[in-house]
């Protein structure tokens, strides 16, 4: 079992989740059951799957949950694109969040590669 809170990519994904929650507060109310809900679920899914994988007994199981977390980063990327195109977020905020999600994904895949090498 690993301590997920010590992983930098978990820390960054948690911070990003908090940013998504704060950001979506300003979205139109008609998006509460649409884009707001989807973005919040995608963002929290990254951190949640990292945490769940760390609670598993094997590196193989951990890797499976990390791959799911990485998939959630792709979902969130698209939702950032959609939010920008709908005019809900500025280009500057989009670039900052988009770049952060890319970095988190790279860190997840890098960690997966290290797990493979340790096996």
Protein backbone atom coordinates (compact mmCIF):
# COMPACT_ATOMS: atom_id res chain seq x y z
CA UNK A 1 0.00 0.00 0.00
CA UNK A 2 1.29 3.45 -0.93
CA UNK A 3 0.51 6.85 0.58
CA UNK A 4 -1.19 8.67 -2.30
CA UNK A 5 -0.92 12.01 -0.49
CA UNK A 6 2.86 11.88 -0.92
CA UNK A 7 2.61 11.63 -4.72
CA UNK A 8 3.14 14.97 -6.45
CA UNK A 9 0.72 14.11 -9.25
CA UNK A 10 -1.99 13.35 -6.68
CA UNK A 11 -1.29 16.66 -4.92
CA UNK A 12 -1.49 18.52 -8.21
CA UNK A 13 -4.66 16.71 -9.30
CA UNK A 14 -6.30 17.50 -5.96
CA UNK A 15 -5.38 21.18 -6.36
CA UNK A 16 -6.77 21.10 -9.91
CA UNK A 17 -10.02 19.58 -8.63
CA UNK A 18 -10.38 22.45 -6.18
CA UNK A 19 -9.73 24.91 -9.02
CA UNK A 20 -12.40 23.23 -11.19
CA UNK A 21 -14.95 23.44 -8.37
CA UNK A 22 -14.20 27.15 -7.87
CA UNK A 23 -14.14 27.89 -11.59
CA UNK A 24 -17.45 26.17 -12.35
CA UNK A 25 -19.25 28.25 -9.71
CA UNK A 26 -19.29 31.05 -12.28
CA UNK A 27 -20.73 28.91 -15.10
CA UNK A 28 -24.36 29.49 -16.15
CA UNK A 29 -26.85 27.82 -13.82
CA UNK A 30 -28.33 25.82 -16.70
CA UNK A 31 -25.03 23.88 -16.79
CA UNK A 32 -25.43 22.58 -13.22
CA UNK A 33 -26.52 19.11 -14.41
CA UNK A 34 -24.45 19.26 -17.58
CA UNK A 35 -20.96 20.61 -17.99
CA UNK A 36 -20.47 21.65 -14.34
CA UNK A 37 -21.31 18.18 -13.09
CA UNK A 38 -19.20 16.48 -15.77
CA UNK A 39 -16.15 18.65 -15.10
CA UNK A 40 -16.34 18.15 -11.38
CA UNK A 41 -16.70 14.39 -11.74
CA UNK A 42 -13.83 14.17 -14.25
CA UNK A 43 -11.52 16.29 -12.10
CA UNK A 44 -12.27 14.40 -8.88
CA UNK A 45 -11.99 11.08 -10.71
CA UNK A 46 -8.31 11.71 -11.36
CA UNK A 47 -7.46 12.09 -7.66
CA UNK A 48 -9.91 9.42 -6.58
CA UNK A 49 -8.51 6.75 -8.89
CA UNK A 50 -4.94 7.55 -7.86
CA UNK A 51 -5.97 7.17 -4.21
CA UNK A 52 -7.87 3.95 -4.84
CA UNK A 53 -5.00 2.43 -6.79
CA UNK A 54 -2.58 3.24 -3.99
CA UNK A 55 -4.80 1.29 -1.62
CA UNK A 56 -4.52 -1.88 -3.68
CA UNK A 57 -2.12 -4.73 -2.98
CA UNK A 58 -0.24 -4.96 -6.24
CA UNK A 59 1.57 -2.74 -8.68
CA UNK A 60 -0.57 -4.22 -11.46
CA UNK A 61 -3.76 -3.05 -9.74
CA UNK A 62 -2.23 0.35 -9.02
CA UNK A 63 -1.30 0.73 -12.67
CA UNK A 64 -4.87 -0.13 -13.75
CA UNK A 65 -6.28 2.68 -11.58
CA UNK A 66 -3.59 5.10 -12.78
CA UNK A 67 -4.62 4.40 -16.37
CA UNK A 68 -8.23 5.15 -15.45
CA UNK A 69 -7.04 8.40 -13.81
CA UNK A 70 -5.15 9.29 -16.99
CA UNK A 71 -8.34 8.67 -18.99
CA UNK A 72 -10.16 11.13 -16.76
CA UNK A 73 -7.50 13.74 -17.59
CA UNK A 74 -8.46 13.38 -21.26
CA UNK A 75 -12.13 13.88 -20.42
CA UNK A 76 -11.27 17.00 -18.46
CA UNK A 77 -9.11 18.30 -21.32
CA UNK A 78 -12.07 18.17 -23.66
CA UNK A 79 -14.31 19.82 -21.08
CA UNK A 80 -11.80 22.68 -20.80
CA UNK A 81 -11.88 23.06 -24.61
CA UNK A 82 -15.68 23.10 -24.57
CA UNK A 83 -15.78 25.61 -21.72
CA UNK A 84 -13.43 27.93 -23.60
CA UNK A 85 -15.37 27.60 -26.85
CA UNK A 86 -18.64 28.34 -25.05
CA UNK A 87 -17.07 31.45 -23.53
CA UNK A 88 -17.26 30.19 -19.94
CA UNK A 89 -13.50 30.54 -19.38
CA UNK A 90 -10.91 32.89 -20.79
CA UNK A 91 -8.05 31.86 -23.03
CA UNK A 92 -5.60 32.56 -20.20
CA UNK A 93 -7.41 30.32 -17.70
CA UNK A 94 -7.85 27.67 -20.38
CA UNK A 95 -4.13 27.61 -21.16
CA UNK A 96 -3.15 27.43 -17.49
CA UNK A 97 -5.53 24.56 -16.68
CA UNK A 98 -4.91 22.72 -19.96
CA UNK A 99 -1.15 22.82 -19.39
CA UNK A 100 -1.57 21.58 -15.82
CA UNK A 101 -3.71 18.62 -16.86
CA UNK A 102 -1.09 17.68 -19.48
CA UNK A 103 1.64 17.76 -16.83
CA UNK A 104 -0.42 15.59 -14.47
CA UNK A 105 -1.03 13.04 -17.24
CA UNK A 106 2.67 12.92 -18.09
CA UNK A 107 3.51 12.36 -14.42
CA UNK A 108 0.96 9.54 -14.17
CA UNK A 109 2.36 7.77 -17.24
CA UNK A 110 5.92 8.27 -16.03
CA UNK A 111 5.00 6.66 -12.71
CA UNK A 112 3.37 3.76 -14.59
CA UNK A 113 6.62 3.22 -16.49
CA UNK A 114 8.56 3.09 -13.21
CA UNK A 115 6.08 0.53 -11.88
CA UNK A 116 6.70 -1.60 -14.96
CA UNK A 117 10.47 -1.35 -14.46
CA UNK A 118 10.16 -2.33 -10.79
CA UNK A 119 8.13 -5.45 -11.59
